[in-house]
Amino acid sequence: MSEPVKVNILDRDFMVAAPPGQQAELRESARQLDARMREVRDGGRVVGTDRIAIVTALNLMHELLEAQAQSHDDGSLGERLQALDTRIHDYLDQVDIPAELRRR
């Protein structure tokens, strides 16, 4: 059962439900969100809590999408390296290599 956790974002308190054992993660998420929203607010180009929240959310989603794309690229690279490793091993299995030069 979820438990209420009090968090503070831009000097406003919110009660948010958190699954058991995840209260610390929720508090840390709120702390980081508060910091990011303060950066946007202190930048002086965005006025109003709603607008600050939306700009911050857009910035975070942009970073998330970039991280997901990077993760996908990394996974794709790993697959290509594995395929290359398999091709090398298959080739070496077909070539006559003296025993003393074979990998142990």
C-alpha atoms as a PDB file:
ATOM      1  CA  MET A   1       0.000   0.000   0.000  1.00  0.00           C
ATOM      2  CA  SER A   2       1.284   3.477  -0.850  1.00  0.00           C
ATOM      3  CA  GLU A   3       2.367   5.808   1.894  1.00  0.00           C
ATOM      4  CA  PRO A   4       2.087   9.609   1.774  1.00  0.00           C
ATOM      5  CA  VAL A   5       5.351  11.513   1.615  1.00  0.00           C
ATOM      6  CA  LYS A   6       5.662  15.265   2.083  1.00  0.00           C
ATOM      7  CA  VAL A   7       7.896  16.953  -0.493  1.00  0.00           C
ATOM      8  CA  ASN A   8       8.696  20.617  -1.062  1.00  0.00           C
ATOM      9  CA  ILE A   9       9.002  22.063  -4.561  1.00  0.00           C
ATOM     10  CA  LEU A  10       9.503  25.792  -5.130  1.00  0.00           C
ATOM     11  CA  ASP A  11       8.588  26.501  -1.508  1.00  0.00           C
ATOM     12  CA  ARG A  12       5.294  24.611  -1.750  1.00  0.00           C
ATOM     13  CA  ASP A  13       4.538  21.428   0.143  1.00  0.00           C
ATOM     14  CA  PHE A  14       2.943  18.469  -1.594  1.00  0.00           C
ATOM     15  CA  MET A  15       1.766  15.140  -0.236  1.00  0.00           C
ATOM     16  CA  VAL A  16       2.583  12.399  -2.728  1.00  0.00           C
ATOM     17  CA  ALA A  17       1.856   8.684  -2.443  1.00  0.00           C
ATOM     18  CA  ALA A  18       4.892   6.426  -2.666  1.00  0.00           C
ATOM     19  CA  PRO A  19       5.040   2.620  -2.807  1.00  0.00           C
ATOM     20  CA  PRO A  20       6.616   1.001   0.249  1.00  0.00           C
ATOM     21  CA  GLY A  21      10.395   1.264   0.190  1.00  0.00           C
ATOM     22  CA  GLN A  22      10.447   4.043  -2.401  1.00  0.00           C
ATOM     23  CA  GLN A  23      10.016   7.073  -0.158  1.00  0.00           C
ATOM     24  CA  ALA A  24      13.725   7.977  -0.318  1.00  0.00           C
ATOM     25  CA  GLU A  25      13.692   7.831  -4.120  1.00  0.00           C
ATOM     26  CA  LEU A  26      10.608  10.061  -4.201  1.00  0.00           C
ATOM     27  CA  ARG A  27      12.246  12.596  -1.884  1.00  0.00           C
ATOM     28  CA  GLU A  28      15.393  12.614  -4.055  1.00  0.00           C
ATOM     29  CA  SER A  29      13.291  13.026  -7.219  1.00  0.00           C
ATOM     30  CA  ALA A  30      11.474  15.963  -5.619  1.00  0.00           C
ATOM     31  CA  ARG A  31      14.787  17.493  -4.512  1.00  0.00           C
ATOM     32  CA  GLN A  32      16.191  17.279  -8.041  1.00  0.00           C
ATOM     33  CA  LEU A  33      12.959  18.592  -9.577  1.00  0.00           C
ATOM     34  CA  ASP A  34      13.011  21.513  -7.147  1.00  0.00           C
ATOM     35  CA  ALA A  35      16.604  22.297  -8.127  1.00  0.00           C
ATOM     36  CA  ARG A  36      15.817  22.149 -11.846  1.00  0.00           C
ATOM     37  CA  MET A  37      12.726  24.328 -11.463  1.00  0.00           C
ATOM     38  CA  ARG A  38      14.760  26.868  -9.474  1.00  0.00           C
ATOM     39  CA  GLU A  39      17.327  26.971 -12.298  1.00  0.00           C
ATOM     40  CA  VAL A  40      14.570  27.746 -14.810  1.00  0.00           C
ATOM     41  CA  ARG A  41      13.005  30.334 -12.512  1.00  0.00           C
ATOM     42  CA  ASP A  42      16.329  31.971 -11.656  1.00  0.00           C
ATOM     43  CA  GLY A  43      17.182  32.181 -15.345  1.00  0.00           C
ATOM     44  CA  GLY A  44      14.590  34.940 -15.435  1.00  0.00           C
ATOM     45  CA  ARG A  45      13.146  34.067 -18.835  1.00  0.00           C
ATOM     46  CA  VAL A  46      10.128  32.119 -17.554  1.00  0.00           C
ATOM     47  CA  VAL A  47       7.578  33.582 -15.158  1.00  0.00           C
ATOM     48  CA  GLY A  48       4.867  31.722 -13.282  1.00  0.00           C
ATOM     49  CA  THR A  49       4.989  28.389 -11.514  1.00  0.00           C
ATOM     50  CA  ASP A  50       2.951  26.595 -14.178  1.00  0.00           C
ATOM     51  CA  ARG A  51       5.235  27.779 -16.968  1.00  0.00           C
ATOM     52  CA  ILE A  52       8.340  26.944 -14.939  1.00  0.00           C
ATOM     53  CA  ALA A  53       6.976  23.426 -14.376  1.00  0.00           C
ATOM     54  CA  ILE A  54       6.207  22.961 -18.085  1.00  0.00           C
ATOM     55  CA  VAL A  55       9.613  24.229 -19.257  1.00  0.00           C
ATOM     56  CA  THR A  56      11.334  22.024 -16.676  1.00  0.00           C
ATOM     57  CA  ALA A  57       9.262  18.998 -17.752  1.00  0.00           C
ATOM     58  CA  LEU A  58      10.121  19.644 -21.404  1.00  0.00           C
ATOM     59  CA  ASN A  59      13.820  19.925 -20.563  1.00  0.00           C
ATOM     60  CA  LEU A  60      13.722  16.674 -18.582  1.00  0.00           C
ATOM     61  CA  MET A  61      11.837  14.835 -21.351  1.00  0.00           C
ATOM     62  CA  HIS A  62      14.383  16.061 -23.895  1.00  0.00           C
ATOM     63  CA  GLU A  63      17.210  14.715 -21.724  1.00  0.00           C
ATOM     64  CA  LEU A  64      15.338  11.414 -21.264  1.00  0.00           C
ATOM     65  CA  LEU A  65      14.840  10.988 -25.008  1.00  0.00           C
ATOM     66  CA  GLU A  66      18.510  11.742 -25.644  1.00  0.00           C
ATOM     67  CA  ALA A  67      19.532   9.189 -22.996  1.00  0.00           C
ATOM     68  CA  GLN A  68      17.195   6.571 -24.500  1.00  0.00           C
ATOM     69  CA  ALA A  69      18.602   7.191 -27.979  1.00  0.00           C
ATOM     70  CA  GLN A  70      22.146   6.895 -26.612  1.00  0.00           C
ATOM     71  CA  SER A  71      21.221   3.692 -24.806  1.00  0.00           C
ATOM     72  CA  HIS A  72      19.717   2.293 -28.013  1.00  0.00           C
ATOM     73  CA  ASP A  73      22.854   3.236 -29.931  1.00  0.00           C
ATOM     74  CA  ASP A  74      25.022   1.561 -27.273  1.00  0.00           C
ATOM     75  CA  GLY A  75      22.886  -1.588 -27.461  1.00  0.00           C
ATOM     76  CA  SER A  76      23.139  -1.575 -31.231  1.00  0.00           C
ATOM     77  CA  LEU A  77      26.911  -1.253 -30.998  1.00  0.00           C
ATOM     78  CA  GLY A  78      27.039  -4.169 -28.568  1.00  0.00           C
ATOM     79  CA  GLU A  79      25.038  -6.330 -30.962  1.00  0.00           C
ATOM     80  CA  ARG A  80      27.334  -5.421 -33.854  1.00  0.00           C
ATOM     81  CA  LEU A  81      30.417  -6.215 -31.779  1.00  0.00           C
ATOM     82  CA  GLN A  82      28.936  -9.571 -30.771  1.00  0.00           C
ATOM     83  CA  ALA A  83      28.163 -10.385 -34.411  1.00  0.00           C
ATOM     84  CA  LEU A  84      31.712  -9.406 -35.423  1.00  0.00           C
ATOM     85  CA  ASP A  85      33.157 -11.571 -32.624  1.00  0.00           C
ATOM     86  CA  THR A  86      31.076 -14.522 -33.843  1.00  0.00           C
ATOM     87  CA  ARG A  87      32.264 -14.011 -37.427  1.00  0.00           C
ATOM     88  CA  ILE A  88      35.890 -13.898 -36.290  1.00  0.00           C
ATOM     89  CA  HIS A  89      35.504 -17.090 -34.247  1.00  0.00           C
ATOM     90  CA  ASP A  90      33.735 -18.831 -37.147  1.00  0.00           C
ATOM     91  CA  TYR A  91      36.527 -17.824 -39.506  1.00  0.00           C
ATOM     92  CA  LEU A  92      39.260 -18.920 -37.108  1.00  0.00           C
ATOM     93  CA  ASP A  93      37.537 -22.287 -36.687  1.00  0.00           C
ATOM     94  CA  GLN A  94      37.846 -22.806 -40.456  1.00  0.00           C
ATOM     95  CA  VAL A  95      41.500 -21.757 -40.733  1.00  0.00           C
ATOM     96  CA  ASP A  96      44.337 -24.131 -39.940  1.00  0.00           C
ATOM     97  CA  ILE A  97      46.131 -22.498 -37.009  1.00  0.00           C
ATOM     98  CA  PRO A  98      49.027 -24.234 -35.289  1.00  0.00           C
ATOM     99  CA  ALA A  99      48.079 -25.434 -31.816  1.00  0.00           C
ATOM    100  CA  GLU A 100      50.634 -23.223 -30.083  1.00  0.00           C
ATOM    101  CA  LEU A 101      48.972 -20.105 -31.564  1.00  0.00           C
ATOM    102  CA  ARG A 102      45.417 -21.054 -30.667  1.00  0.00           C
ATOM    103  CA  ARG A 103      43.640 -19.246 -27.871  1.00  0.00           C
ATOM    104  CA  ARG A 104      43.442 -21.266 -24.689  1.00  0.00           C
END
